[in-house]
Protein backbone atom coordinates (compact mmCIF):
# COMPACT_ATOMS: atom_id res chain seq x y z
CA SER A 1 -4.08 51.10 -63.74
CA ARG A 2 -5.01 48.30 -66.14
CA TRP A 3 -1.57 46.76 -65.66
CA ARG A 4 -1.98 46.71 -61.86
CA ASP A 5 -5.49 45.20 -62.13
CA GLN A 6 -4.27 42.45 -64.38
CA ARG A 7 -1.46 41.50 -61.98
CA ARG A 8 -3.35 41.88 -58.71
CA PRO A 9 -3.43 38.46 -56.97
CA SER A 10 -6.83 36.92 -56.56
CA ALA A 11 -8.32 35.71 -53.25
CA MET A 12 -7.67 32.11 -54.29
CA SER A 13 -3.98 32.84 -54.77
CA TYR A 14 -3.83 34.19 -51.21
CA VAL A 15 -5.45 30.98 -49.95
CA CYS A 16 -3.03 28.81 -51.93
CA GLY A 17 -0.07 30.80 -50.67
CA ALA A 18 -1.18 30.48 -47.06
CA ARG A 19 -1.67 26.74 -47.54
CA GLN A 20 1.83 26.33 -48.95
CA LEU A 21 3.30 28.34 -46.08
CA ALA A 22 1.47 26.19 -43.54
CA GLN A 23 2.65 23.00 -45.23
CA ARG A 24 6.25 24.21 -45.08
CA ALA A 25 5.96 25.35 -41.45
CA TRP A 26 4.02 22.33 -40.10
CA PRO A 27 7.04 19.99 -39.69
CA ALA A 28 8.80 22.59 -37.57
CA VAL A 29 5.68 23.19 -35.46
CA ARG A 30 5.20 19.47 -34.96
CA ALA A 31 8.85 19.02 -33.97
CA ALA A 32 8.57 21.85 -31.44
CA GLY A 33 5.41 20.32 -29.94
CA GLY A 34 7.09 16.94 -29.66
CA ALA A 35 10.05 18.53 -27.89
CA ARG A 36 7.69 20.20 -25.38
CA ARG A 37 5.91 16.90 -24.72
CA ARG A 38 9.21 15.08 -24.22
CA ALA A 39 10.41 17.79 -21.83
CA ALA A 40 7.15 17.57 -19.83
CA ALA A 41 7.39 13.77 -19.65
CA SER A 42 11.00 14.02 -18.50
CA LEU A 43 9.96 16.46 -15.76
CA VAL A 44 7.22 14.10 -14.53
CA ARG A 45 9.64 11.18 -14.48
CA SER A 46 12.20 13.20 -12.54
CA GLN A 47 9.58 14.14 -9.94
CA HIS A 48 8.68 10.48 -9.34
CA ALA A 49 12.16 9.07 -9.74
CA THR A 50 13.79 7.09 -6.95
CA PRO A 51 16.28 9.33 -5.11
CA PRO A 52 19.95 8.46 -5.68
CA ARG A 53 21.63 6.25 -3.13
CA PRO A 54 24.17 7.96 -0.90
CA ALA A 55 27.79 7.39 -1.79
CA GLY A 56 29.36 4.42 -0.07
CA LEU A 57 26.03 2.72 0.61
CA ASP A 58 25.95 -0.99 -0.08
CA THR A 59 23.80 -1.48 -3.17
CA ALA A 60 22.60 -4.93 -2.15
CA ALA A 61 21.56 -3.67 1.27
CA ALA A 62 19.84 -0.58 -0.10
CA THR A 63 17.79 -2.27 -2.81
CA PRO A 64 14.97 -3.75 -0.60
CA ALA A 65 14.35 -0.42 1.13
CA VAL A 66 14.34 1.50 -2.16
CA ASP A 67 12.05 -1.07 -3.75
CA ALA A 68 9.69 -0.90 -0.76
CA ALA A 69 9.53 2.89 -0.91
CA GLU A 70 8.91 2.87 -4.65
CA SER A 71 6.20 0.22 -4.34
CA MET A 72 4.43 2.28 -1.66
CA ARG A 73 4.63 5.42 -3.85
CA ALA A 74 3.25 3.49 -6.82
CA ALA A 75 0.43 2.11 -4.68
CA ARG A 76 -0.48 5.60 -3.47
CA ARG A 77 -0.54 6.85 -7.06
CA ARG A 78 -2.88 3.99 -8.05
CA ASN A 79 -5.16 4.71 -5.10
CA ALA A 80 -5.19 8.44 -5.91
CA ALA A 81 -6.22 7.68 -9.48
CA ALA A 82 -9.10 5.55 -8.20
CA SER A 83 -10.13 8.05 -5.52
CA PRO A 84 -12.83 10.58 -6.43
CA VAL A 85 -10.94 13.33 -4.60
CA GLY A 86 -7.49 12.35 -5.84
CA ILE A 87 -5.83 11.84 -2.41
CA GLU A 88 -2.98 9.35 -2.40
CA ARG A 89 -3.74 6.90 0.42
CA THR A 90 -2.02 3.71 1.51
CA ASN A 91 -4.41 0.79 2.05
CA LEU A 92 -3.42 -0.71 5.41
CA GLY A 93 -5.26 -3.80 6.64
CA LEU A 94 -5.40 -5.50 10.05
CA PHE A 95 -5.69 -9.29 9.81
CA GLY A 96 -5.77 -12.24 12.17
CA ALA A 97 -7.88 -14.72 14.07
CA ILE A 98 -11.06 -14.02 16.04
CA ASN A 99 -10.61 -11.83 19.14
CA VAL A 100 -6.90 -11.39 18.57
CA GLY A 101 -7.11 -7.61 19.07
CA LYS A 102 -7.63 -6.22 15.55
CA SER A 103 -10.49 -3.92 16.55
CA THR A 104 -8.59 -2.81 19.65
CA LEU A 105 -5.61 -1.88 17.49
CA MET A 106 -7.95 -0.10 15.07
CA ASN A 107 -9.38 2.03 17.89
CA THR A 108 -5.88 2.66 19.26
CA LEU A 109 -4.64 3.96 15.91
CA THR A 110 -7.71 6.10 15.22
CA GLN A 111 -8.01 7.15 18.91
CA ALA A 112 -11.77 6.74 18.56
CA PRO A 113 -14.33 3.92 18.99
CA THR A 114 -14.24 3.12 15.29
CA SER A 115 -14.80 -0.63 15.74
CA ILE A 116 -16.92 -2.47 18.29
CA VAL A 117 -14.78 -4.27 20.85
CA ASP A 118 -16.48 -7.10 22.75
CA ALA A 119 -15.59 -10.46 24.28
CA THR A 120 -18.14 -12.14 22.02
CA ARG A 121 -16.32 -14.09 19.33
CA GLY A 122 -16.82 -12.89 15.78
CA THR A 123 -18.04 -9.40 16.64
CA THR A 124 -16.60 -7.90 13.44
CA ALA A 125 -18.74 -9.14 10.57
CA ASP A 126 -17.65 -6.81 7.75
CA PRO A 127 -14.48 -4.80 7.16
CA ARG A 128 -14.52 -1.47 8.95
CA ILE A 129 -12.75 1.43 7.20
CA ALA A 130 -11.24 4.58 8.65
CA THR A 131 -9.17 7.31 7.00
CA LEU A 132 -6.37 8.97 8.92
CA GLU A 133 -2.74 10.03 8.70
CA LEU A 134 0.04 7.94 10.23
CA HIS A 135 3.56 9.15 10.87
CA GLY A 136 5.88 7.81 8.18
CA LEU A 137 3.05 6.69 5.90
CA GLY A 138 0.99 9.82 5.39
CA PRO A 139 -2.68 9.49 4.38
CA VAL A 140 -3.92 5.96 5.14
CA LYS A 141 -7.10 4.01 4.60
CA LEU A 142 -7.24 1.59 7.54
CA PHE A 143 -9.20 -1.68 7.35
CA ASP A 144 -10.36 -3.73 10.34
CA THR A 145 -11.22 -7.19 8.98
CA PRO A 146 -13.16 -10.18 10.37
CA GLY A 147 -11.31 -13.10 11.89
CA ILE A 148 -10.40 -15.79 9.37
CA ASP A 149 -10.86 -18.81 11.66
CA GLU A 150 -14.58 -18.58 12.46
CA PRO A 151 -16.30 -21.92 11.74
CA GLY A 152 -19.43 -22.44 9.66
CA GLU A 153 -20.75 -21.00 6.43
CA LEU A 154 -20.88 -17.48 7.83
CA GLY A 155 -17.29 -17.84 8.96
CA SER A 156 -16.28 -18.83 5.42
CA LYS A 157 -17.89 -15.68 4.05
CA LYS A 158 -16.08 -13.53 6.62
CA ARG A 159 -12.80 -15.24 5.74
CA GLU A 160 -13.24 -14.48 2.05
CA LYS A 161 -13.99 -10.84 2.91
CA ALA A 162 -10.75 -10.60 4.86
CA LEU A 163 -8.70 -12.27 2.14
CA SER A 164 -10.13 -9.94 -0.51
CA VAL A 165 -8.91 -6.97 1.55
CA LEU A 166 -5.49 -8.65 1.89
CA ARG A 167 -5.20 -9.02 -1.89
CA SER A 168 -5.85 -5.30 -2.44
CA ALA A 169 -3.81 -3.98 0.51
CA ASP A 170 -0.58 -2.02 0.15
CA ALA A 171 0.50 -2.92 3.68
CA ALA A 172 -0.79 -5.55 6.10
CA VAL A 173 -0.49 -6.02 9.86
CA VAL A 174 -0.87 -9.72 10.71
CA MET A 175 -1.79 -10.23 14.35
CA ALA A 176 -1.41 -13.13 16.75
CA ALA A 177 -1.83 -13.65 20.50
CA ALA A 178 1.09 -14.99 22.45
CA ASP A 179 -1.15 -17.22 24.60
CA ASP A 180 -3.39 -18.50 21.75
CA ALA A 181 -1.97 -21.24 19.51
CA ALA A 182 -4.95 -21.02 17.12
CA SER A 183 -4.25 -17.35 16.44
CA VAL A 184 -0.62 -18.18 15.64
CA LEU A 185 -1.78 -20.79 13.10
CA ALA A 186 -4.16 -18.24 11.56
CA ALA A 187 -1.36 -15.69 11.34
CA ARG A 188 0.91 -18.23 9.61
CA GLU A 189 -1.90 -18.96 7.13
CA LEU A 190 -2.24 -15.24 6.36
CA LEU A 191 1.51 -14.91 5.77
CA ASP A 192 1.36 -17.87 3.40
CA GLU A 193 -1.59 -16.32 1.54
CA ALA A 194 0.33 -13.07 1.12
CA ALA A 195 3.38 -14.96 -0.16
CA LYS A 196 1.26 -16.49 -2.94
CA LEU A 197 0.50 -13.07 -4.41
CA PRO A 198 2.68 -11.73 -7.24
CA ARG A 199 5.54 -9.63 -5.93
CA SER A 200 4.24 -6.56 -7.76
CA VAL A 201 0.99 -6.54 -5.74
CA ARG A 202 2.18 -8.22 -2.55
CA PRO A 203 1.56 -6.02 0.52
CA ARG A 204 4.34 -4.98 2.85
CA LEU A 205 3.95 -7.12 5.97
CA MET A 206 4.34 -6.58 9.70
CA VAL A 207 3.51 -8.98 12.54
CA VAL A 208 2.05 -7.76 15.83
CA VAL A 209 1.91 -10.14 18.79
CA ASN A 210 -0.68 -9.06 21.35
CA ILE A 211 0.39 -10.24 24.79
CA LYS A 212 -3.02 -9.20 26.22
CA GLY A 213 -1.74 -8.16 29.59
CA ALA A 214 -0.34 -11.61 30.29
CA SER A 215 3.07 -12.15 31.77
CA VAL A 216 4.74 -13.34 28.59
CA GLY A 217 8.48 -13.75 28.51
CA ASN A 218 10.87 -13.47 25.63
CA GLU A 219 10.88 -17.25 25.26
CA ALA A 220 7.18 -17.30 24.36
CA ILE A 221 7.59 -14.48 21.86
CA ASP A 222 10.60 -16.23 20.31
CA ALA A 223 8.51 -19.39 19.98
CA VAL A 224 5.79 -17.45 18.15
CA GLU A 225 8.44 -15.97 15.88
CA ARG A 226 9.71 -19.44 14.98
CA GLN A 227 6.20 -20.81 14.42
CA LEU A 228 5.47 -17.97 12.01
CA GLY A 229 8.63 -18.69 10.05
CA LEU A 230 10.23 -15.36 10.94
CA ALA A 231 13.21 -17.04 12.61
CA SER A 232 14.95 -20.39 12.25
CA HIS A 233 14.87 -23.03 14.97
CA ASP A 234 18.23 -21.85 16.29
CA GLY A 235 16.87 -18.29 16.60
CA ALA A 236 18.63 -16.83 13.56
CA PRO A 237 16.49 -14.31 11.64
CA VAL A 238 15.12 -15.35 8.26
CA PRO A 239 16.14 -13.05 5.37
CA ASP A 240 13.37 -10.70 4.14
CA ALA A 241 11.10 -11.76 7.02
CA PRO A 242 8.59 -9.10 8.13
CA PRO A 243 9.33 -7.29 11.41
CA LEU A 244 7.60 -8.38 14.61
CA LEU A 245 6.29 -6.15 17.38
CA ALA A 246 5.12 -7.53 20.74
CA ILE A 247 2.77 -5.16 22.58
CA ASP A 248 0.04 -5.21 25.21
CA LEU A 249 -2.83 -3.45 23.45
CA HIS A 250 -4.77 -3.24 26.71
CA ALA A 251 -2.04 -1.34 28.53
CA PRO A 252 -2.86 2.29 29.44
CA ASP A 253 0.05 3.57 27.36
CA ALA A 254 -0.65 1.37 24.32
CA GLU A 255 -1.25 4.46 22.16
CA LYS A 256 2.37 5.52 22.66
């Protein structure tokens, strides 16, 4: 009995032994945790990775579309991080001159009287915002902006409001009227402003020409396309130019 009492380990020896065991085991535990973190990071990257290009597809031709899709996904992730509810939304802005049809297009897309439409010039004073889902884009935050060509001090403030929305947009619809030369000049100015932005934050562009119920032929639309720099003087398309859509927003079937 005395021999066992003399050789019985004390509480401190148990503590020291446990500490030594933990020191020997800690590198292995840390390595296992690092492996789990690397595996989780690899899984996240694979979920957001750009899908592989189909075999036989021209790499040079596929790159702009892949880059555009990736930039839109990255923009939605940034917007989701800034959103209090975490919904990935694409910021889509409508831009152009006064009374070019921005508010009409806004109401057509939302299918509701979201913006006031009136013949009075400069009706839209501040950006109007609507949230909706658009086919091919998913959740969207839609901005109706003031015209950028209104004169005076108030017009300058409205212009700066519109340009601030342009700088933060993921996609932009630049509008012009086929029968209004001033609106074409304003649209060209907006395209130039977008081109000044760094490529990483430059919005994807589309041009909409509102023919406003007028009898506008293809020659007039081609002239607008050349004035906007979307086509050369001989009619050849300019590489990487945004697409152009000519539509009568006042037509009964404009929603289609």
